[in-house]
Amino acid sequence: MKAMAETGLQASVSDAGVGALCARTAVMGAFLNVKINASGVEDKSFVDDILTKGTEIEEKSQQMETDILKIVNDKITSK
């Protein structure tokens, strides 16, 4: 999506932004599911590890969304 925002057709740059929003939403939704299911897992070491990894992925997806939306908004407003 970042490449699409950076070098794709101007007419489809907003699609890259929507894709970034959808991707972050999917990551956050999946992580919510992991968190709710983790409460039933007895292996607390595993739960801590998986929640730490999930948090890292969630934070990375939020940063990627921010970066892509900046590119998209810069292209849209620079016309």
PDB file of N, CA and C in Angstrom:
ATOM      1  N   MET A   1       0.812  -1.184   0.000  1.00  0.00           N
ATOM      2  CA  MET A   1       0.000   0.000   0.000  1.00  0.00           C
ATOM      3  C   MET A   1       0.862   1.257   0.000  1.00  0.00           C
ATOM      4  N   LYS A   2       1.989   1.190   0.698  1.00  0.00           N
ATOM      5  CA  LYS A   2       2.862   2.362   0.719  1.00  0.00           C
ATOM      6  C   LYS A   2       3.395   2.653  -0.679  1.00  0.00           C
ATOM      7  N   ALA A   3       3.803   1.605  -1.391  1.00  0.00           N
ATOM      8  CA  ALA A   3       4.296   1.790  -2.754  1.00  0.00           C
ATOM      9  C   ALA A   3       3.199   2.343  -3.652  1.00  0.00           C
ATOM     10  N   MET A   4       1.984   1.868  -3.464  1.00  0.00           N
ATOM     11  CA  MET A   4       0.853   2.372  -4.247  1.00  0.00           C
ATOM     12  C   MET A   4       0.632   3.856  -3.963  1.00  0.00           C
ATOM     13  N   ALA A   5       0.735   4.241  -2.705  1.00  0.00           N
ATOM     14  CA  ALA A   5       0.556   5.647  -2.340  1.00  0.00           C
ATOM     15  C   ALA A   5       1.676   6.505  -2.914  1.00  0.00           C
ATOM     16  N   GLU A   6       2.894   5.963  -2.899  1.00  0.00           N
ATOM     17  CA  GLU A   6       4.051   6.737  -3.351  1.00  0.00           C
ATOM     18  C   GLU A   6       4.145   6.845  -4.864  1.00  0.00           C
ATOM     19  N   THR A   7       3.886   5.741  -5.572  1.00  0.00           N
ATOM     20  CA  THR A   7       4.169   5.733  -7.010  1.00  0.00           C
ATOM     21  C   THR A   7       2.983   5.336  -7.875  1.00  0.00           C
ATOM     22  N   GLY A   8       1.851   5.046  -7.257  1.00  0.00           N
ATOM     23  CA  GLY A   8       0.677   4.636  -8.019  1.00  0.00           C
ATOM     24  C   GLY A   8       0.023   5.803  -8.739  1.00  0.00           C
ATOM     25  N   LEU A   9      -0.995   5.489  -9.483  1.00  0.00           N
ATOM     26  CA  LEU A   9      -1.738   6.518 -10.207  1.00  0.00           C
ATOM     27  C   LEU A   9      -2.351   7.521  -9.236  1.00  0.00           C
ATOM     28  N   GLN A  10      -2.289   8.775  -9.586  1.00  0.00           N
ATOM     29  CA  GLN A  10      -2.859   9.831  -8.744  1.00  0.00           C
ATOM     30  C   GLN A  10      -4.345   9.572  -8.482  1.00  0.00           C
ATOM     31  N   ALA A  11      -5.024   9.047  -9.482  1.00  0.00           N
ATOM     32  CA  ALA A  11      -6.465   8.807  -9.343  1.00  0.00           C
ATOM     33  C   ALA A  11      -6.789   7.713  -8.328  1.00  0.00           C
ATOM     34  N   SER A  12      -5.806   6.878  -8.009  1.00  0.00           N
ATOM     35  CA  SER A  12      -6.078   5.786  -7.067  1.00  0.00           C
ATOM     36  C   SER A  12      -5.351   5.946  -5.737  1.00  0.00           C
ATOM     37  N   VAL A  13      -4.760   7.094  -5.495  1.00  0.00           N
ATOM     38  CA  VAL A  13      -4.008   7.289  -4.260  1.00  0.00           C
ATOM     39  C   VAL A  13      -4.908   7.171  -3.028  1.00  0.00           C
ATOM     40  N   SER A  14      -6.150   7.595  -3.158  1.00  0.00           N
ATOM     41  CA  SER A  14      -7.059   7.468  -2.007  1.00  0.00           C
ATOM     42  C   SER A  14      -7.338   6.001  -1.687  1.00  0.00           C
ATOM     43  N   ASP A  15      -7.281   5.130  -2.695  1.00  0.00           N
ATOM     44  CA  ASP A  15      -7.470   3.695  -2.454  1.00  0.00           C
ATOM     45  C   ASP A  15      -6.375   3.143  -1.538  1.00  0.00           C
ATOM     46  N   ALA A  16      -5.168   3.661  -1.681  1.00  0.00           N
ATOM     47  CA  ALA A  16      -4.075   3.240  -0.797  1.00  0.00           C
ATOM     48  C   ALA A  16      -4.374   3.648   0.639  1.00  0.00           C
ATOM     49  N   GLY A  17      -4.936   4.823   0.815  1.00  0.00           N
ATOM     50  CA  GLY A  17      -5.311   5.274   2.157  1.00  0.00           C
ATOM     51  C   GLY A  17      -6.396   4.410   2.766  1.00  0.00           C
ATOM     52  N   VAL A  18      -7.388   4.084   1.980  1.00  0.00           N
ATOM     53  CA  VAL A  18      -8.470   3.216   2.467  1.00  0.00           C
ATOM     54  C   VAL A  18      -7.912   1.833   2.796  1.00  0.00           C
ATOM     55  N   GLY A  19      -7.007   1.341   1.975  1.00  0.00           N
ATOM     56  CA  GLY A  19      -6.375   0.052   2.243  1.00  0.00           C
ATOM     57  C   GLY A  19      -5.615   0.058   3.560  1.00  0.00           C
ATOM     58  N   ALA A  20      -4.917   1.153   3.835  1.00  0.00           N
ATOM     59  CA  ALA A  20      -4.178   1.269   5.099  1.00  0.00           C
ATOM     60  C   ALA A  20      -5.130   1.263   6.286  1.00  0.00           C
ATOM     61  N   LEU A  21      -6.237   1.971   6.156  1.00  0.00           N
ATOM     62  CA  LEU A  21      -7.239   1.987   7.229  1.00  0.00           C
ATOM     63  C   LEU A  21      -7.810   0.594   7.461  1.00  0.00           C
ATOM     64  N   CYS A  22      -8.119  -0.101   6.379  1.00  0.00           N
ATOM     65  CA  CYS A  22      -8.688  -1.455   6.496  1.00  0.00           C
ATOM     66  C   CYS A  22      -7.683  -2.434   7.088  1.00  0.00           C
ATOM     67  N   ALA A  23      -6.425  -2.322   6.682  1.00  0.00           N
ATOM     68  CA  ALA A  23      -5.398  -3.231   7.196  1.00  0.00           C
ATOM     69  C   ALA A  23      -5.212  -3.043   8.696  1.00  0.00           C
ATOM     70  N   ARG A  24      -5.148  -1.800   9.142  1.00  0.00           N
ATOM     71  CA  ARG A  24      -5.001  -1.552  10.576  1.00  0.00           C
ATOM     72  C   ARG A  24      -6.210  -2.065  11.338  1.00  0.00           C
ATOM     73  N   THR A  25      -7.390  -1.864  10.788  1.00  0.00           N
ATOM     74  CA  THR A  25      -8.607  -2.362  11.433  1.00  0.00           C
ATOM     75  C   THR A  25      -8.567  -3.880  11.557  1.00  0.00           C
ATOM     76  N   ALA A  26      -8.106  -4.557  10.523  1.00  0.00           N
ATOM     77  CA  ALA A  26      -8.010  -6.020  10.568  1.00  0.00           C
ATOM     78  C   ALA A  26      -7.021  -6.475  11.637  1.00  0.00           C
ATOM     79  N   VAL A  27      -5.881  -5.801  11.728  1.00  0.00           N
ATOM     80  CA  VAL A  27      -4.883  -6.151  12.743  1.00  0.00           C
ATOM     81  C   VAL A  27      -5.451  -5.934  14.141  1.00  0.00           C
ATOM     82  N   MET A  28      -6.095  -4.807  14.349  1.00  0.00           N
ATOM     83  CA  MET A  28      -6.649  -4.516  15.674  1.00  0.00           C
ATOM     84  C   MET A  28      -7.761  -5.493  16.039  1.00  0.00           C
ATOM     85  N   GLY A  29      -8.588  -5.836  15.079  1.00  0.00           N
ATOM     86  CA  GLY A  29      -9.657  -6.801  15.332  1.00  0.00           C
ATOM     87  C   GLY A  29      -9.107  -8.171  15.678  1.00  0.00           C
ATOM     88  N   ALA A  30      -8.075  -8.587  14.953  1.00  0.00           N
ATOM     89  CA  ALA A  30      -7.457  -9.882  15.236  1.00  0.00           C
ATOM     90  C   ALA A  30      -6.823  -9.889  16.623  1.00  0.00           C
ATOM     91  N   PHE A  31      -6.193  -8.788  16.988  1.00  0.00           N
ATOM     92  CA  PHE A  31      -5.539  -8.732  18.295  1.00  0.00           C
ATOM     93  C   PHE A  31      -6.567  -8.704  19.429  1.00  0.00           C
ATOM     94  N   LEU A  32      -7.690  -8.061  19.209  1.00  0.00           N
ATOM     95  CA  LEU A  32      -8.761  -8.116  20.213  1.00  0.00           C
ATOM     96  C   LEU A  32      -9.199  -9.560  20.430  1.00  0.00           C
ATOM     97  N   ASN A  33      -9.294 -10.304  19.346  1.00  0.00           N
ATOM     98  CA  ASN A  33      -9.669 -11.712  19.442  1.00  0.00           C
ATOM     99  C   ASN A  33      -8.622 -12.508  20.222  1.00  0.00           C
ATOM    100  N   VAL A  34      -7.351 -12.242  19.941  1.00  0.00           N
ATOM    101  CA  VAL A  34      -6.270 -12.920  20.668  1.00  0.00           C
ATOM    102  C   VAL A  34      -6.363 -12.599  22.156  1.00  0.00           C
ATOM    103  N   LYS A  35      -6.582 -11.319  22.480  1.00  0.00           N
ATOM    104  CA  LYS A  35      -6.631 -10.923  23.892  1.00  0.00           C
ATOM    105  C   LYS A  35      -7.783 -11.591  24.629  1.00  0.00           C
ATOM    106  N   ILE A  36      -8.942 -11.657  24.007  1.00  0.00           N
ATOM    107  CA  ILE A  36     -10.082 -12.269  24.699  1.00  0.00           C
ATOM    108  C   ILE A  36      -9.867 -13.763  24.889  1.00  0.00           C
ATOM    109  N   ASN A  37      -9.261 -14.412  23.890  1.00  0.00           N
ATOM    110  CA  ASN A  37      -9.011 -15.848  24.001  1.00  0.00           C
ATOM    111  C   ASN A  37      -7.839 -16.172  24.925  1.00  0.00           C
ATOM    112  N   ALA A  38      -6.912 -15.237  25.066  1.00  0.00           N
ATOM    113  CA  ALA A  38      -5.755 -15.462  25.936  1.00  0.00           C
ATOM    114  C   ALA A  38      -6.164 -15.594  27.397  1.00  0.00           C
ATOM    115  N   SER A  39      -7.281 -15.009  27.745  1.00  0.00           N
ATOM    116  CA  SER A  39      -7.720 -15.075  29.143  1.00  0.00           C
ATOM    117  C   SER A  39      -8.040 -16.505  29.574  1.00  0.00           C
ATOM    118  N   GLY A  40      -8.280 -17.380  28.629  1.00  0.00           N
ATOM    119  CA  GLY A  40      -8.589 -18.765  28.958  1.00  0.00           C
ATOM    120  C   GLY A  40      -7.401 -19.713  28.869  1.00  0.00           C
ATOM    121  N   VAL A  41      -6.222 -19.174  28.577  1.00  0.00           N
ATOM    122  CA  VAL A  41      -5.023 -20.006  28.438  1.00  0.00           C
ATOM    123  C   VAL A  41      -4.281 -20.044  29.774  1.00  0.00           C
ATOM    124  N   GLU A  42      -3.952 -21.232  30.209  1.00  0.00           N
ATOM    125  CA  GLU A  42      -3.301 -21.396  31.516  1.00  0.00           C
ATOM    126  C   GLU A  42      -1.806 -21.083  31.501  1.00  0.00           C
ATOM    127  N   ASP A  43      -1.163 -21.240  30.361  1.00  0.00           N
ATOM    128  CA  ASP A  43       0.284 -21.003  30.260  1.00  0.00           C
ATOM    129  C   ASP A  43       0.544 -19.492  30.209  1.00  0.00           C
ATOM    130  N   LYS A  44       0.765 -18.896  31.364  1.00  0.00           N
ATOM    131  CA  LYS A  44       0.904 -17.437  31.460  1.00  0.00           C
ATOM    132  C   LYS A  44       2.145 -16.921  30.736  1.00  0.00           C
ATOM    133  N   SER A  45       3.193 -17.727  30.672  1.00  0.00           N
ATOM    134  CA  SER A  45       4.390 -17.329  29.938  1.00  0.00           C
ATOM    135  C   SER A  45       4.069 -17.186  28.447  1.00  0.00           C
ATOM    136  N   PHE A  46       3.334 -18.140  27.919  1.00  0.00           N
ATOM    137  CA  PHE A  46       2.909 -18.087  26.521  1.00  0.00           C
ATOM    138  C   PHE A  46       2.017 -16.872  26.286  1.00  0.00           C
ATOM    139  N   VAL A  47       1.076 -16.640  27.193  1.00  0.00           N
ATOM    140  CA  VAL A  47       0.157 -15.507  27.065  1.00  0.00           C
ATOM    141  C   VAL A  47       0.936 -14.195  27.063  1.00  0.00           C
ATOM    142  N   ASP A  48       1.872 -14.044  27.991  1.00  0.00           N
ATOM    143  CA  ASP A  48       2.674 -12.819  28.040  1.00  0.00           C
ATOM    144  C   ASP A  48       3.438 -12.616  26.741  1.00  0.00           C
ATOM    145  N   ASP A  49       4.020 -13.692  26.216  1.00  0.00           N
ATOM    146  CA  ASP A  49       4.793 -13.618  24.975  1.00  0.00           C
ATOM    147  C   ASP A  49       3.906 -13.229  23.800  1.00  0.00           C
ATOM    148  N   ILE A  50       2.774 -13.867  23.684  1.00  0.00           N
ATOM    149  CA  ILE A  50       1.894 -13.609  22.540  1.00  0.00           C
ATOM    150  C   ILE A  50       1.276 -12.209  22.619  1.00  0.00           C
ATOM    151  N   LEU A  51       0.976 -11.747  23.828  1.00  0.00           N
ATOM    152  CA  LEU A  51       0.429 -10.396  23.979  1.00  0.00           C
ATOM    153  C   LEU A  51       1.488  -9.334  23.692  1.00  0.00           C
ATOM    154  N   THR A  52       2.725  -9.611  24.059  1.00  0.00           N
ATOM    155  CA  THR A  52       3.817  -8.685  23.738  1.00  0.00           C
ATOM    156  C   THR A  52       4.003  -8.591  22.227  1.00  0.00           C
ATOM    157  N   LYS A  53       4.029  -9.735  21.565  1.00  0.00           N
ATOM    158  CA  LYS A  53       4.170  -9.750  20.104  1.00  0.00           C
ATOM    159  C   LYS A  53       2.983  -9.065  19.434  1.00  0.00           C
ATOM    160  N   GLY A  54       1.790  -9.323  19.945  1.00  0.00           N
ATOM    161  CA  GLY A  54       0.599  -8.691  19.385  1.00  0.00           C
ATOM    162  C   GLY A  54       0.630  -7.185  19.525  1.00  0.00           C
ATOM    163  N   THR A  55       1.094  -6.711  20.667  1.00  0.00           N
ATOM    164  CA  THR A  55       1.213  -5.269  20.887  1.00  0.00           C
ATOM    165  C   THR A  55       2.198  -4.657  19.902  1.00  0.00           C
ATOM    166  N   GLU A  56       3.320  -5.337  19.671  1.00  0.00           N
ATOM    167  CA  GLU A  56       4.309  -4.849  18.707  1.00  0.00           C
ATOM    168  C   GLU A  56       3.717  -4.770  17.303  1.00  0.00           C
ATOM    169  N   ILE A  57       2.987  -5.788  16.908  1.00  0.00           N
ATOM    170  CA  ILE A  57       2.362  -5.803  15.581  1.00  0.00           C
ATOM    171  C   ILE A  57       1.323  -4.695  15.475  1.00  0.00           C
ATOM    172  N   GLU A  58       0.525  -4.527  16.518  1.00  0.00           N
ATOM    173  CA  GLU A  58      -0.497  -3.481  16.517  1.00  0.00           C
ATOM    174  C   GLU A  58       0.145  -2.100  16.389  1.00  0.00           C
ATOM    175  N   GLU A  59       1.204  -1.853  17.150  1.00  0.00           N
ATOM    176  CA  GLU A  59       1.888  -0.560  17.085  1.00  0.00           C
ATOM    177  C   GLU A  59       2.498  -0.328  15.705  1.00  0.00           C
ATOM    178  N   LYS A  60       3.079  -1.375  15.126  1.00  0.00           N
ATOM    179  CA  LYS A  60       3.664  -1.250  13.784  1.00  0.00           C
ATOM    180  C   LYS A  60       2.582  -0.945  12.753  1.00  0.00           C
ATOM    181  N   SER A  61       1.434  -1.595  12.875  1.00  0.00           N
ATOM    182  CA  SER A  61       0.351  -1.349  11.915  1.00  0.00           C
ATOM    183  C   SER A  61      -0.170   0.079  12.041  1.00  0.00           C
ATOM    184  N   GLN A  62      -0.221   0.596  13.257  1.00  0.00           N
ATOM    185  CA  GLN A  62      -0.670   1.974  13.449  1.00  0.00           C
ATOM    186  C   GLN A  62       0.326   2.958  12.840  1.00  0.00           C
ATOM    187  N   GLN A  63       1.624   2.671  12.991  1.00  0.00           N
ATOM    188  CA  GLN A  63       2.637   3.544  12.411  1.00  0.00           C
ATOM    189  C   GLN A  63       2.601   3.487  10.886  1.00  0.00           C
ATOM    190  N   MET A  64       2.418   2.289  10.346  1.00  0.00           N
ATOM    191  CA  MET A  64       2.325   2.154   8.893  1.00  0.00           C
ATOM    192  C   MET A  64       1.119   2.921   8.359  1.00  0.00           C
ATOM    193  N   GLU A  65      -0.005   2.820   9.053  1.00  0.00           N
ATOM    194  CA  GLU A  65      -1.196   3.554   8.640  1.00  0.00           C
ATOM    195  C   GLU A  65      -0.917   5.057   8.646  1.00  0.00           C
ATOM    196  N   THR A  66      -0.300   5.544   9.709  1.00  0.00           N
ATOM    197  CA  THR A  66       0.025   6.966   9.812  1.00  0.00           C
ATOM    198  C   THR A  66       0.918   7.402   8.658  1.00  0.00           C
ATOM    199  N   ASP A  67       1.954   6.617   8.371  1.00  0.00           N
ATOM    200  CA  ASP A  67       2.887   6.950   7.290  1.00  0.00           C
ATOM    201  C   ASP A  67       2.185   6.982   5.935  1.00  0.00           C
ATOM    202  N   ILE A  68       1.361   5.988   5.673  1.00  0.00           N
ATOM    203  CA  ILE A  68       0.663   5.913   4.386  1.00  0.00           C
ATOM    204  C   ILE A  68      -0.335   7.054   4.249  1.00  0.00           C
ATOM    205  N   LEU A  69      -1.085   7.335   5.300  1.00  0.00           N
ATOM    206  CA  LEU A  69      -2.063   8.423   5.226  1.00  0.00           C
ATOM    207  C   LEU A  69      -1.388   9.777   5.040  1.00  0.00           C
ATOM    208  N   LYS A  70      -0.194   9.954   5.586  1.00  0.00           N
ATOM    209  CA  LYS A  70       0.535  11.207   5.362  1.00  0.00           C
ATOM    210  C   LYS A  70       0.887  11.352   3.886  1.00  0.00           C
ATOM    211  N   ILE A  71       1.390  10.276   3.293  1.00  0.00           N
ATOM    212  CA  ILE A  71       1.723  10.304   1.867  1.00  0.00           C
ATOM    213  C   ILE A  71       0.474  10.614   1.047  1.00  0.00           C
ATOM    214  N   VAL A  72      -0.612   9.918   1.350  1.00  0.00           N
ATOM    215  CA  VAL A  72      -1.871  10.108   0.619  1.00  0.00           C
ATOM    216  C   VAL A  72      -2.346  11.552   0.750  1.00  0.00           C
ATOM    217  N   ASN A  73      -2.413  12.051   1.969  1.00  0.00           N
ATOM    218  CA  ASN A  73      -2.900  13.420   2.179  1.00  0.00           C
ATOM    219  C   ASN A  73      -1.988  14.453   1.547  1.00  0.00           C
ATOM    220  N   ASP A  74      -0.672  14.233   1.595  1.00  0.00           N
ATOM    221  CA  ASP A  74       0.257  15.152   0.934  1.00  0.00           C
ATOM    222  C   ASP A  74       0.020  15.177  -0.570  1.00  0.00           C
ATOM    223  N   LYS A  75      -0.221  14.012  -1.174  1.00  0.00           N
ATOM    224  CA  LYS A  75      -0.467  13.959  -2.622  1.00  0.00           C
ATOM    225  C   LYS A  75      -1.798  14.608  -2.984  1.00  0.00           C
ATOM    226  N   ILE A  76      -2.805  14.381  -2.163  1.00  0.00           N
ATOM    227  CA  ILE A  76      -4.131  14.935  -2.454  1.00  0.00           C
ATOM    228  C   ILE A  76      -4.123  16.455  -2.338  1.00  0.00           C
ATOM    229  N   THR A  77      -3.431  16.978  -1.347  1.00  0.00           N
ATOM    230  CA  THR A  77      -3.446  18.425  -1.118  1.00  0.00           C
ATOM    231  C   THR A  77      -2.395  19.169  -1.921  1.00  0.00           C
ATOM    232  N   SER A  78      -1.498  18.464  -2.611  1.00  0.00           N
ATOM    233  CA  SER A  78      -0.443  19.143  -3.365  1.00  0.00           C
ATOM    234  C   SER A  78      -0.832  19.432  -4.805  1.00  0.00           C
ATOM    235  N   LYS A  79      -2.066  19.132  -5.169  1.00  0.00           N
ATOM    236  CA  LYS A  79      -2.515  19.367  -6.548  1.00  0.00           C
ATOM    237  C   LYS A  79      -2.633  20.822  -6.850  1.00  0.00           C
TER     238      LYS A  79
END
